[in-house]
Amino acid sequence: FKRDRLVVVASNVAVDFAFCQEKMSILDYKKKSTQASKK
């Protein structure tokens, strides 16, 4: 059922998103947030 849909999987379990072509860590944007707050 994935087909040509826009699919987003949020998880920290590798098997959940093994089929995904693109990967993003939300932590990368928490770091930026923390750095911005310190400034």
Full PDB file with SEQRES, HELIX, SHEET, SSBOND, CRYST1, ORIGX, SCALE, CONECT and MASTER records, all heavy atoms in Angstrom:
SEQRES   1 A   39  PHE LYS ARG ASP ARG LEU VAL VAL VAL ALA SER ASN VAL          
SEQRES   2 A   39  ALA VAL ASP PHE ALA PHE CYS GLN GLU LYS MET SER ILE          
SEQRES   3 A   39  LEU ASP TYR LYS LYS LYS SER THR GLN ALA SER LYS LYS          
HELIX    1 AA1 ALA A   14  PHE A   17  5                                   4    
HELIX    2 AA2 LEU A   27  LYS A   38  1                                  12    
CRYST1    1.000    1.000    1.000  90.00  90.00  90.00 P 1           1          
ORIGX1      1.000000  0.000000  0.000000        0.00000                         
ORIGX2      0.000000  1.000000  0.000000        0.00000                         
ORIGX3      0.000000  0.000000  1.000000        0.00000                         
SCALE1      1.000000  0.000000  0.000000        0.00000                         
SCALE2      0.000000  1.000000  0.000000        0.00000                         
SCALE3      0.000000  0.000000  1.000000        0.00000                         
ATOM      1  N   PHE A   1       0.779  -1.237   0.000  1.00  0.00           N  
ATOM      2  CA  PHE A   1       0.000   0.000   0.000  1.00  0.00           C  
ATOM      3  C   PHE A   1       0.819   1.300   0.000  1.00  0.00           C  
ATOM      4  O   PHE A   1       0.237   2.374  -0.021  1.00  0.00           O  
ATOM      5  CB  PHE A   1      -0.949   0.016   1.203  1.00  0.00           C  
ATOM      6  CG  PHE A   1      -2.047  -1.004   1.114  1.00  0.00           C  
ATOM      7  CD1 PHE A   1      -1.980  -2.178   1.842  1.00  0.00           C  
ATOM      8  CD2 PHE A   1      -3.126  -0.801   0.268  1.00  0.00           C  
ATOM      9  CE1 PHE A   1      -2.997  -3.128   1.758  1.00  0.00           C  
ATOM     10  CE2 PHE A   1      -4.149  -1.741   0.169  1.00  0.00           C  
ATOM     11  CZ  PHE A   1      -4.082  -2.910   0.909  1.00  0.00           C  
ATOM     12  N   LYS A   2       2.135   1.210   0.007  1.00  0.00           N  
ATOM     13  CA  LYS A   2       2.940   2.436  -0.042  1.00  0.00           C  
ATOM     14  C   LYS A   2       2.729   3.174  -1.362  1.00  0.00           C  
ATOM     15  O   LYS A   2       2.528   4.381  -1.400  1.00  0.00           O  
ATOM     16  CB  LYS A   2       4.418   2.107   0.150  1.00  0.00           C  
ATOM     17  CG  LYS A   2       5.333   3.318   0.103  1.00  0.00           C  
ATOM     18  CD  LYS A   2       6.732   2.965   0.536  1.00  0.00           C  
ATOM     19  CE  LYS A   2       7.459   2.093  -0.501  1.00  0.00           C  
ATOM     20  NZ  LYS A   2       7.757   2.864  -1.750  1.00  0.00           N  
ATOM     21  N   ARG A   3       2.833   2.466  -2.447  1.00  0.00           N  
ATOM     22  CA  ARG A   3       2.580   2.986  -3.792  1.00  0.00           C  
ATOM     23  C   ARG A   3       3.271   4.321  -4.032  1.00  0.00           C  
ATOM     24  O   ARG A   3       4.449   4.486  -3.725  1.00  0.00           O  
ATOM     25  CB  ARG A   3       1.077   3.057  -4.041  1.00  0.00           C  
ATOM     26  CG  ARG A   3       0.391   1.695  -3.864  1.00  0.00           C  
ATOM     27  CD  ARG A   3      -1.046   1.679  -4.243  1.00  0.00           C  
ATOM     28  NE  ARG A   3      -1.641   0.366  -3.990  1.00  0.00           N  
ATOM     29  CZ  ARG A   3      -2.901   0.060  -4.272  1.00  0.00           C  
ATOM     30  NH1 ARG A   3      -3.704   0.976  -4.812  1.00  0.00           N  
ATOM     31  NH2 ARG A   3      -3.358  -1.146  -4.018  1.00  0.00           N  
ATOM     32  N   ASP A   4       2.527   5.295  -4.592  1.00  0.00           N  
ATOM     33  CA  ASP A   4       3.132   6.601  -4.896  1.00  0.00           C  
ATOM     34  C   ASP A   4       2.728   7.654  -3.863  1.00  0.00           C  
ATOM     35  O   ASP A   4       2.727   8.849  -4.152  1.00  0.00           O  
ATOM     36  CB  ASP A   4       2.743   7.068  -6.300  1.00  0.00           C  
ATOM     37  CG  ASP A   4       1.228   7.231  -6.462  1.00  0.00           C  
ATOM     38  OD1 ASP A   4       0.486   6.797  -5.544  1.00  0.00           O  
ATOM     39  OD2 ASP A   4       0.790   7.793  -7.481  1.00  0.00           O  
ATOM     40  N   ARG A   5       2.414   7.220  -2.673  1.00  0.00           N  
ATOM     41  CA  ARG A   5       1.996   8.144  -1.627  1.00  0.00           C  
ATOM     42  C   ARG A   5       3.196   8.863  -1.006  1.00  0.00           C  
ATOM     43  O   ARG A   5       4.339   8.431  -1.147  1.00  0.00           O  
ATOM     44  CB  ARG A   5       1.227   7.392  -0.526  1.00  0.00           C  
ATOM     45  CG  ARG A   5       0.009   6.665  -1.038  1.00  0.00           C  
ATOM     46  CD  ARG A   5      -0.437   5.578  -0.094  1.00  0.00           C  
ATOM     47  NE  ARG A   5      -1.463   6.016   0.835  1.00  0.00           N  
ATOM     48  CZ  ARG A   5      -2.105   5.204   1.673  1.00  0.00           C  
ATOM     49  NH1 ARG A   5      -1.794   3.922   1.714  1.00  0.00           N  
ATOM     50  NH2 ARG A   5      -3.025   5.670   2.485  1.00  0.00           N  
ATOM     51  N   LEU A   6       2.912   9.939  -0.313  1.00  0.00           N  
ATOM     52  CA  LEU A   6       3.911  10.612   0.512  1.00  0.00           C  
ATOM     53  C   LEU A   6       3.845   9.930   1.875  1.00  0.00           C  
ATOM     54  O   LEU A   6       2.842  10.038   2.576  1.00  0.00           O  
ATOM     55  CB  LEU A   6       3.587  12.109   0.626  1.00  0.00           C  
ATOM     56  CG  LEU A   6       4.660  13.056   1.171  1.00  0.00           C  
ATOM     57  CD1 LEU A   6       4.206  14.498   0.982  1.00  0.00           C  
ATOM     58  CD2 LEU A   6       4.964  12.808   2.637  1.00  0.00           C  
ATOM     59  N   VAL A   7       4.897   9.220   2.239  1.00  0.00           N  
ATOM     60  CA  VAL A   7       4.909   8.431   3.472  1.00  0.00           C  
ATOM     61  C   VAL A   7       5.941   9.015   4.439  1.00  0.00           C  
ATOM     62  O   VAL A   7       7.074   9.295   4.044  1.00  0.00           O  
ATOM     63  CB  VAL A   7       5.251   6.955   3.186  1.00  0.00           C  
ATOM     64  CG1 VAL A   7       5.225   6.135   4.484  1.00  0.00           C  
ATOM     65  CG2 VAL A   7       4.285   6.365   2.161  1.00  0.00           C  
ATOM     66  N   VAL A   8       5.540   9.196   5.689  1.00  0.00           N  
ATOM     67  CA  VAL A   8       6.471   9.647   6.726  1.00  0.00           C  
ATOM     68  C   VAL A   8       6.350   8.695   7.915  1.00  0.00           C  
ATOM     69  O   VAL A   8       5.242   8.481   8.431  1.00  0.00           O  
ATOM     70  CB  VAL A   8       6.189  11.085   7.183  1.00  0.00           C  
ATOM     71  CG1 VAL A   8       7.245  11.532   8.196  1.00  0.00           C  
ATOM     72  CG2 VAL A   8       6.158  12.044   6.000  1.00  0.00           C  
ATOM     73  N   VAL A   9       7.479   8.120   8.322  1.00  0.00           N  
ATOM     74  CA  VAL A   9       7.510   7.192   9.452  1.00  0.00           C  
ATOM     75  C   VAL A   9       8.355   7.812  10.563  1.00  0.00           C  
ATOM     76  O   VAL A   9       9.526   8.146  10.355  1.00  0.00           O  
ATOM     77  CB  VAL A   9       8.121   5.834   9.052  1.00  0.00           C  
ATOM     78  CG1 VAL A   9       8.088   4.869  10.238  1.00  0.00           C  
ATOM     79  CG2 VAL A   9       7.383   5.239   7.853  1.00  0.00           C  
ATOM     80  N   ALA A  10       7.767   7.979  11.735  1.00  0.00           N  
ATOM     81  CA  ALA A  10       8.492   8.496  12.900  1.00  0.00           C  
ATOM     82  C   ALA A  10       8.766   7.335  13.845  1.00  0.00           C  
ATOM     83  O   ALA A  10       7.837   6.688  14.329  1.00  0.00           O  
ATOM     84  CB  ALA A  10       7.673   9.569  13.609  1.00  0.00           C  
ATOM     85  N   SER A  11      10.047   7.058  14.077  1.00  0.00           N  
ATOM     86  CA  SER A  11      10.372   5.915  14.927  1.00  0.00           C  
ATOM     87  C   SER A  11      11.858   5.922  15.266  1.00  0.00           C  
ATOM     88  O   SER A  11      12.675   6.556  14.589  1.00  0.00           O  
ATOM     89  CB  SER A  11      10.032   4.604  14.196  1.00  0.00           C  
ATOM     90  OG  SER A  11      10.371   3.478  14.978  1.00  0.00           O  
ATOM     91  N   ASN A  12      12.210   5.192  16.323  1.00  0.00           N  
ATOM     92  CA  ASN A  12      13.625   4.938  16.627  1.00  0.00           C  
ATOM     93  C   ASN A  12      13.938   3.451  16.479  1.00  0.00           C  
ATOM     94  O   ASN A  12      14.965   2.982  16.960  1.00  0.00           O  
ATOM     95  CB  ASN A  12      13.990   5.435  18.035  1.00  0.00           C  
ATOM     96  CG  ASN A  12      13.082   4.853  19.108  1.00  0.00           C  
ATOM     97  OD1 ASN A  12      12.341   3.904  18.865  1.00  0.00           O  
ATOM     98  ND2 ASN A  12      13.134   5.421  20.302  1.00  0.00           N  
ATOM     99  N   VAL A  13      13.042   2.712  15.805  1.00  0.00           N  
ATOM    100  CA  VAL A  13      13.239   1.284  15.537  1.00  0.00           C  
ATOM    101  C   VAL A  13      13.540   1.115  14.055  1.00  0.00           C  
ATOM    102  O   VAL A  13      12.699   1.446  13.207  1.00  0.00           O  
ATOM    103  CB  VAL A  13      11.983   0.478  15.933  1.00  0.00           C  
ATOM    104  CG1 VAL A  13      12.180  -1.004  15.618  1.00  0.00           C  
ATOM    105  CG2 VAL A  13      11.658   0.672  17.411  1.00  0.00           C  
ATOM    106  N   ALA A  14      14.697   0.586  13.724  1.00  0.00           N  
ATOM    107  CA  ALA A  14      15.173   0.567  12.340  1.00  0.00           C  
ATOM    108  C   ALA A  14      14.224  -0.153  11.385  1.00  0.00           C  
ATOM    109  O   ALA A  14      14.024   0.290  10.243  1.00  0.00           O  
ATOM    110  CB  ALA A  14      16.561  -0.068  12.285  1.00  0.00           C  
ATOM    111  N   VAL A  15      13.617  -1.259  11.828  1.00  0.00           N  
ATOM    112  CA  VAL A  15      12.759  -2.012  10.923  1.00  0.00           C  
ATOM    113  C   VAL A  15      11.541  -1.209  10.487  1.00  0.00           C  
ATOM    114  O   VAL A  15      11.006  -1.419   9.403  1.00  0.00           O  
ATOM    115  CB  VAL A  15      12.318  -3.353  11.582  1.00  0.00           C  
ATOM    116  CG1 VAL A  15      11.339  -3.103  12.730  1.00  0.00           C  
ATOM    117  CG2 VAL A  15      11.706  -4.288  10.553  1.00  0.00           C  
ATOM    118  N   ASP A  16      11.116  -0.264  11.308  1.00  0.00           N  
ATOM    119  CA  ASP A  16       9.934   0.541  10.989  1.00  0.00           C  
ATOM    120  C   ASP A  16      10.124   1.359   9.725  1.00  0.00           C  
ATOM    121  O   ASP A  16       9.175   1.580   8.963  1.00  0.00           O  
ATOM    122  CB  ASP A  16       9.610   1.508  12.135  1.00  0.00           C  
ATOM    123  CG  ASP A  16       9.075   0.805  13.367  1.00  0.00           C  
ATOM    124  OD1 ASP A  16       8.964  -0.425  13.353  1.00  0.00           O  
ATOM    125  OD2 ASP A  16       8.756   1.507  14.347  1.00  0.00           O  
ATOM    126  N   PHE A  17      11.356   1.832   9.497  1.00  0.00           N  
ATOM    127  CA  PHE A  17      11.587   2.758   8.385  1.00  0.00           C  
ATOM    128  C   PHE A  17      12.672   2.275   7.427  1.00  0.00           C  
ATOM    129  O   PHE A  17      13.222   3.059   6.652  1.00  0.00           O  
ATOM    130  CB  PHE A  17      11.942   4.153   8.913  1.00  0.00           C  
ATOM    131  CG  PHE A  17      13.085   4.198   9.892  1.00  0.00           C  
ATOM    132  CD1 PHE A  17      14.400   4.120   9.467  1.00  0.00           C  
ATOM    133  CD2 PHE A  17      12.835   4.328  11.248  1.00  0.00           C  
ATOM    134  CE1 PHE A  17      15.459   4.165  10.363  1.00  0.00           C  
ATOM    135  CE2 PHE A  17      13.894   4.384  12.169  1.00  0.00           C  
ATOM    136  CZ  PHE A  17      15.208   4.301  11.719  1.00  0.00           C  
ATOM    137  N   ALA A  18      12.975   0.976   7.431  1.00  0.00           N  
ATOM    138  CA  ALA A  18      14.040   0.449   6.575  1.00  0.00           C  
ATOM    139  C   ALA A  18      13.774   0.712   5.098  1.00  0.00           C  
ATOM    140  O   ALA A  18      14.716   0.814   4.300  1.00  0.00           O  
ATOM    141  CB  ALA A  18      14.205  -1.051   6.825  1.00  0.00           C  
ATOM    142  N   PHE A  19      12.523   0.829   4.710  1.00  0.00           N  
ATOM    143  CA  PHE A  19      12.165   1.041   3.302  1.00  0.00           C  
ATOM    144  C   PHE A  19      12.236   2.504   2.878  1.00  0.00           C  
ATOM    145  O   PHE A  19      12.080   2.816   1.688  1.00  0.00           O  
ATOM    146  CB  PHE A  19      10.744   0.525   3.046  1.00  0.00           C  
ATOM    147  CG  PHE A  19       9.691   1.244   3.843  1.00  0.00           C  
ATOM    148  CD1 PHE A  19       9.036   2.343   3.321  1.00  0.00           C  
ATOM    149  CD2 PHE A  19       9.362   0.828   5.127  1.00  0.00           C  
ATOM    150  CE1 PHE A  19       8.066   3.015   4.047  1.00  0.00           C  
ATOM    151  CE2 PHE A  19       8.394   1.493   5.865  1.00  0.00           C  
ATOM    152  CZ  PHE A  19       7.750   2.586   5.321  1.00  0.00           C  
ATOM    153  N   CYS A  20      12.442   3.413   3.811  1.00  0.00           N  
ATOM    154  CA  CYS A  20      12.412   4.848   3.499  1.00  0.00           C  
ATOM    155  C   CYS A  20      13.657   5.273   2.719  1.00  0.00           C  
ATOM    156  O   CYS A  20      14.771   4.883   3.051  1.00  0.00           O  
ATOM    157  CB  CYS A  20      12.301   5.668   4.783  1.00  0.00           C  
ATOM    158  SG  CYS A  20      10.734   5.442   5.664  1.00  0.00           S  
ATOM    159  N   GLN A  21      13.433   6.116   1.702  1.00  0.00           N  
ATOM    160  CA  GLN A  21      14.556   6.616   0.896  1.00  0.00           C  
ATOM    161  C   GLN A  21      15.277   7.782   1.559  1.00  0.00           C  
ATOM    162  O   GLN A  21      16.471   7.981   1.362  1.00  0.00           O  
ATOM    163  CB  GLN A  21      14.062   7.065  -0.484  1.00  0.00           C  
ATOM    164  CG  GLN A  21      13.368   5.979  -1.291  1.00  0.00           C  
ATOM    165  CD  GLN A  21      11.854   6.071  -1.232  1.00  0.00           C  
ATOM    166  OE1 GLN A  21      11.292   6.351  -0.172  1.00  0.00           O  
ATOM    167  NE2 GLN A  21      11.190   5.863  -2.353  1.00  0.00           N  
ATOM    168  N   GLU A  22      14.535   8.591   2.325  1.00  0.00           N  
ATOM    169  CA  GLU A  22      15.109   9.776   2.953  1.00  0.00           C  
ATOM    170  C   GLU A  22      15.013   9.651   4.472  1.00  0.00           C  
ATOM    171  O   GLU A  22      14.002   9.180   4.990  1.00  0.00           O  
ATOM    172  CB  GLU A  22      14.372  11.040   2.498  1.00  0.00           C  
ATOM    173  CG  GLU A  22      14.371  11.265   0.993  1.00  0.00           C  
ATOM    174  CD  GLU A  22      15.731  11.696   0.478  1.00  0.00           C  
ATOM    175  OE1 GLU A  22      16.539  12.187   1.302  1.00  0.00           O  
ATOM    176  OE2 GLU A  22      15.983  11.545  -0.731  1.00  0.00           O  
ATOM    177  N   LYS A  23      16.061  10.079   5.165  1.00  0.00           N  
ATOM    178  CA  LYS A  23      16.072   9.975   6.632  1.00  0.00           C  
ATOM    179  C   LYS A  23      16.490  11.303   7.261  1.00  0.00           C  
ATOM    180  O   LYS A  23      17.362  11.993   6.741  1.00  0.00           O  
ATOM    181  CB  LYS A  23      17.012   8.860   7.092  1.00  0.00           C  
ATOM    182  CG  LYS A  23      16.555   7.471   6.647  1.00  0.00           C  
ATOM    183  CD  LYS A  23      17.499   6.384   7.129  1.00  0.00           C  
ATOM    184  CE  LYS A  23      16.929   4.995   6.825  1.00  0.00           C  
ATOM    185  NZ  LYS A  23      16.781   4.745   5.394  1.00  0.00           N  
ATOM    186  N   MET A  24      15.831  11.647   8.357  1.00  0.00           N  
ATOM    187  CA  MET A  24      16.115  12.889   9.064  1.00  0.00           C  
ATOM    188  C   MET A  24      16.063  12.623  10.557  1.00  0.00           C  
ATOM    189  O   MET A  24      15.148  11.954  11.044  1.00  0.00           O  
ATOM    190  CB  MET A  24      15.069  13.949   8.691  1.00  0.00           C  
ATOM    191  CG  MET A  24      15.261  15.288   9.368  1.00  0.00           C  
ATOM    192  SD  MET A  24      13.954  16.464   8.892  1.00  0.00           S  
ATOM    193  CE  MET A  24      12.732  16.122  10.151  1.00  0.00           C  
ATOM    194  N   SER A  25      17.031  13.118  11.299  1.00  0.00           N  
ATOM    195  CA  SER A  25      17.030  12.996  12.756  1.00  0.00           C  
ATOM    196  C   SER A  25      16.480  14.277  13.360  1.00  0.00           C  
ATOM    197  O   SER A  25      16.991  15.369  13.086  1.00  0.00           O  
ATOM    198  CB  SER A  25      18.441  12.730  13.276  1.00  0.00           C  
ATOM    199  OG  SER A  25      18.450  12.795  14.693  1.00  0.00           O  
ATOM    200  N   ILE A  26      15.468  14.152  14.179  1.00  0.00           N  
ATOM    201  CA  ILE A  26      14.888  15.333  14.821  1.00  0.00           C  
ATOM    202  C   ILE A  26      15.900  15.978  15.775  1.00  0.00           C  
ATOM    203  O   ILE A  26      15.824  17.187  16.063  1.00  0.00           O  
ATOM    204  CB  ILE A  26      13.588  14.954  15.571  1.00  0.00           C  
ATOM    205  CG1 ILE A  26      12.678  16.179  15.742  1.00  0.00           C  
ATOM    206  CG2 ILE A  26      13.877  14.294  16.892  1.00  0.00           C  
ATOM    207  CD1 ILE A  26      11.999  16.611  14.472  1.00  0.00           C  
ATOM    208  N   LEU A  27      16.875  15.200  16.234  1.00  0.00           N  
ATOM    209  CA  LEU A  27      17.886  15.732  17.143  1.00  0.00           C  
ATOM    210  C   LEU A  27      18.729  16.819  16.478  1.00  0.00           C  
ATOM    211  O   LEU A  27      19.231  17.721  17.160  1.00  0.00           O  
ATOM    212  CB  LEU A  27      18.799  14.609  17.646  1.00  0.00           C  
ATOM    213  CG  LEU A  27      18.169  13.589  18.601  1.00  0.00           C  
ATOM    214  CD1 LEU A  27      19.203  12.549  19.011  1.00  0.00           C  
ATOM    215  CD2 LEU A  27      17.571  14.269  19.823  1.00  0.00           C  
ATOM    216  N   ASP A  28      18.897  16.739  15.167  1.00  0.00           N  
ATOM    217  CA  ASP A  28      19.671  17.763  14.462  1.00  0.00           C  
ATOM    218  C   ASP A  28      19.038  19.142  14.630  1.00  0.00           C  
ATOM    219  O   ASP A  28      19.742  20.158  14.661  1.00  0.00           O  
ATOM    220  CB  ASP A  28      19.772  17.436  12.975  1.00  0.00           C  
ATOM    221  CG  ASP A  28      20.634  16.221  12.708  1.00  0.00           C  
ATOM    222  OD1 ASP A  28      21.441  15.858  13.596  1.00  0.00           O  
ATOM    223  OD2 ASP A  28      20.510  15.625  11.619  1.00  0.00           O  
ATOM    224  N   TYR A  29      17.733  19.163  14.748  1.00  0.00           N  
ATOM    225  CA  TYR A  29      17.020  20.434  14.868  1.00  0.00           C  
ATOM    226  C   TYR A  29      16.807  20.837  16.320  1.00  0.00           C  
ATOM    227  O   TYR A  29      16.495  21.983  16.607  1.00  0.00           O  
ATOM    228  CB  TYR A  29      15.701  20.349  14.100  1.00  0.00           C  
ATOM    229  CG  TYR A  29      15.964  20.062  12.640  1.00  0.00           C  
ATOM    230  CD1 TYR A  29      15.959  18.758  12.163  1.00  0.00           C  
ATOM    231  CD2 TYR A  29      16.276  21.092  11.767  1.00  0.00           C  
ATOM    232  CE1 TYR A  29      16.246  18.485  10.833  1.00  0.00           C  
ATOM    233  CE2 TYR A  29      16.557  20.832  10.437  1.00  0.00           C  
ATOM    234  CZ  TYR A  29      16.544  19.529   9.980  1.00  0.00           C  
ATOM    235  OH  TYR A  29      16.842  19.270   8.662  1.00  0.00           O  
ATOM    236  N   LYS A  30      17.021  19.910  17.225  1.00  0.00           N  
ATOM    237  CA  LYS A  30      17.033  20.271  18.642  1.00  0.00           C  
ATOM    238  C   LYS A  30      18.369  20.916  18.986  1.00  0.00           C  
ATOM    239  O   LYS A  30      18.428  21.850  19.775  1.00  0.00           O  
ATOM    240  CB  LYS A  30      16.798  19.029  19.514  1.00  0.00           C  
ATOM    241  CG  LYS A  30      15.413  18.427  19.338  1.00  0.00           C  
ATOM    242  CD  LYS A  30      15.219  17.199  20.187  1.00  0.00           C  
ATOM    243  CE  LYS A  30      14.911  17.571  21.623  1.00  0.00           C  
ATOM    244  NZ  LYS A  30      13.600  18.211  21.777  1.00  0.00           N  
ATOM    245  N   LYS A  31      19.440  20.437  18.370  1.00  0.00           N  
ATOM    246  CA  LYS A  31      20.759  21.021  18.604  1.00  0.00           C  
ATOM    247  C   LYS A  31      20.779  22.480  18.143  1.00  0.00           C  
ATOM    248  O   LYS A  31      21.263  23.361  18.827  1.00  0.00           O  
ATOM    249  CB  LYS A  31      21.833  20.223  17.861  1.00  0.00           C  
ATOM    250  CG  LYS A  31      22.075  18.833  18.424  1.00  0.00           C  
ATOM    251  CD  LYS A  31      23.067  18.075  17.569  1.00  0.00           C  
ATOM    252  CE  LYS A  31      23.258  16.652  18.083  1.00  0.00           C  
ATOM    253  NZ  LYS A  31      24.164  15.867  17.205  1.00  0.00           N  
ATOM    254  N   LYS A  32      20.209  22.703  16.956  1.00  0.00           N  
ATOM    255  CA  LYS A  32      20.162  24.066  16.439  1.00  0.00           C  
ATOM    256  C   LYS A  32      19.351  24.957  17.366  1.00  0.00           C  
ATOM    257  O   LYS A  32      19.669  26.104  17.606  1.00  0.00           O  
ATOM    258  CB  LYS A  32      19.554  24.071  15.035  1.00  0.00           C  
ATOM    259  CG  LYS A  32      20.425  23.416  13.983  1.00  0.00           C  
ATOM    260  CD  LYS A  32      19.729  23.404  12.633  1.00  0.00           C  
ATOM    261  CE  LYS A  32      20.589  22.701  11.577  1.00  0.00           C  
ATOM    262  NZ  LYS A  32      19.916  22.674  10.264  1.00  0.00           N  
ATOM    263  N   SER A  33      18.270  24.376  17.904  1.00  0.00           N  
ATOM    264  CA  SER A  33      17.418  25.148  18.824  1.00  0.00           C  
ATOM    265  C   SER A  33      18.202  25.523  20.079  1.00  0.00           C  
ATOM    266  O   SER A  33      18.149  26.647  20.545  1.00  0.00           O  
ATOM    267  CB  SER A  33      16.185  24.315  19.199  1.00  0.00           C  
ATOM    268  OG  SER A  33      15.449  24.911  20.212  1.00  0.00           O  
ATOM    269  N   THR A  34      18.942  24.542  20.629  1.00  0.00           N  
ATOM    270  CA  THR A  34      19.696  24.795  21.857  1.00  0.00           C  
ATOM    271  C   THR A  34      20.789  25.833  21.625  1.00  0.00           C  
ATOM    272  O   THR A  34      20.995  26.733  22.430  1.00  0.00           O  
ATOM    273  CB  THR A  34      20.335  23.474  22.345  1.00  0.00           C  
ATOM    274  OG1 THR A  34      19.292  22.538  22.595  1.00  0.00           O  
ATOM    275  CG2 THR A  34      21.101  23.702  23.632  1.00  0.00           C  
ATOM    276  N   GLN A  35      21.492  25.715  20.500  1.00  0.00           N  
ATOM    277  CA  GLN A  35      22.551  26.663  20.183  1.00  0.00           C  
ATOM    278  C   GLN A  35      22.004  28.071  20.024  1.00  0.00           C  
ATOM    279  O   GLN A  35      22.587  29.035  20.487  1.00  0.00           O  
ATOM    280  CB  GLN A  35      23.264  26.213  18.905  1.00  0.00           C  
ATOM    281  CG  GLN A  35      24.076  24.939  19.098  1.00  0.00           C  
ATOM    282  CD  GLN A  35      24.548  24.343  17.790  1.00  0.00           C  
ATOM    283  OE1 GLN A  35      24.228  24.860  16.710  1.00  0.00           O  
ATOM    284  NE2 GLN A  35      25.323  23.290  17.868  1.00  0.00           N  
ATOM    285  N   ALA A  36      20.827  28.152  19.356  1.00  0.00           N  
ATOM    286  CA  ALA A  36      20.221  29.460  19.160  1.00  0.00           C  
ATOM    287  C   ALA A  36      19.824  30.081  20.494  1.00  0.00           C  
ATOM    288  O   ALA A  36      19.975  31.291  20.714  1.00  0.00           O  
ATOM    289  CB  ALA A  36      18.995  29.347  18.254  1.00  0.00           C  
ATOM    290  N   SER A  37      19.334  29.253  21.412  1.00  0.00           N  
ATOM    291  CA  SER A  37      18.929  29.756  22.717  1.00  0.00           C  
ATOM    292  C   SER A  37      20.121  30.263  23.498  1.00  0.00           C  
ATOM    293  O   SER A  37      20.040  31.278  24.191  1.00  0.00           O  
ATOM    294  CB  SER A  37      18.234  28.637  23.516  1.00  0.00           C  
ATOM    295  OG  SER A  37      17.061  28.219  22.865  1.00  0.00           O  
ATOM    296  N   LYS A  38      21.273  29.566  23.379  1.00  0.00           N  
ATOM    297  CA  LYS A  38      22.466  29.990  24.104  1.00  0.00           C  
ATOM    298  C   LYS A  38      22.966  31.340  23.607  1.00  0.00           C  
ATOM    299  O   LYS A  38      23.455  32.160  24.359  1.00  0.00           O  
ATOM    300  CB  LYS A  38      23.551  28.937  23.950  1.00  0.00           C  
ATOM    301  CG  LYS A  38      23.289  27.660  24.758  1.00  0.00           C  
ATOM    302  CD  LYS A  38      24.406  26.663  24.571  1.00  0.00           C  
ATOM    303  CE  LYS A  38      24.159  25.406  25.416  1.00  0.00           C  
ATOM    304  NZ  LYS A  38      25.229  24.402  25.242  1.00  0.00           N  
ATOM    305  N   LYS A  39      22.830  31.568  22.284  1.00  0.00           N  
ATOM    306  CA  LYS A  39      23.295  32.821  21.698  1.00  0.00           C  
ATOM    307  C   LYS A  39      22.470  34.007  22.204  1.00  0.00           C  
ATOM    308  O   LYS A  39      22.930  35.093  22.310  1.00  0.00           O  
ATOM    309  CB  LYS A  39      23.223  32.744  20.176  1.00  0.00           C  
ATOM    310  CG  LYS A  39      24.273  31.810  19.580  1.00  0.00           C  
ATOM    311  CD  LYS A  39      24.148  31.757  18.068  1.00  0.00           C  
ATOM    312  CE  LYS A  39      25.180  30.801  17.474  1.00  0.00           C  
ATOM    313  NZ  LYS A  39      25.066  30.711  16.009  1.00  0.00           N  
TER     314      LYS A  39                                                      
MASTER        0    0    0    2    0    0    0    6  313    1    0    3          
END                                                                             
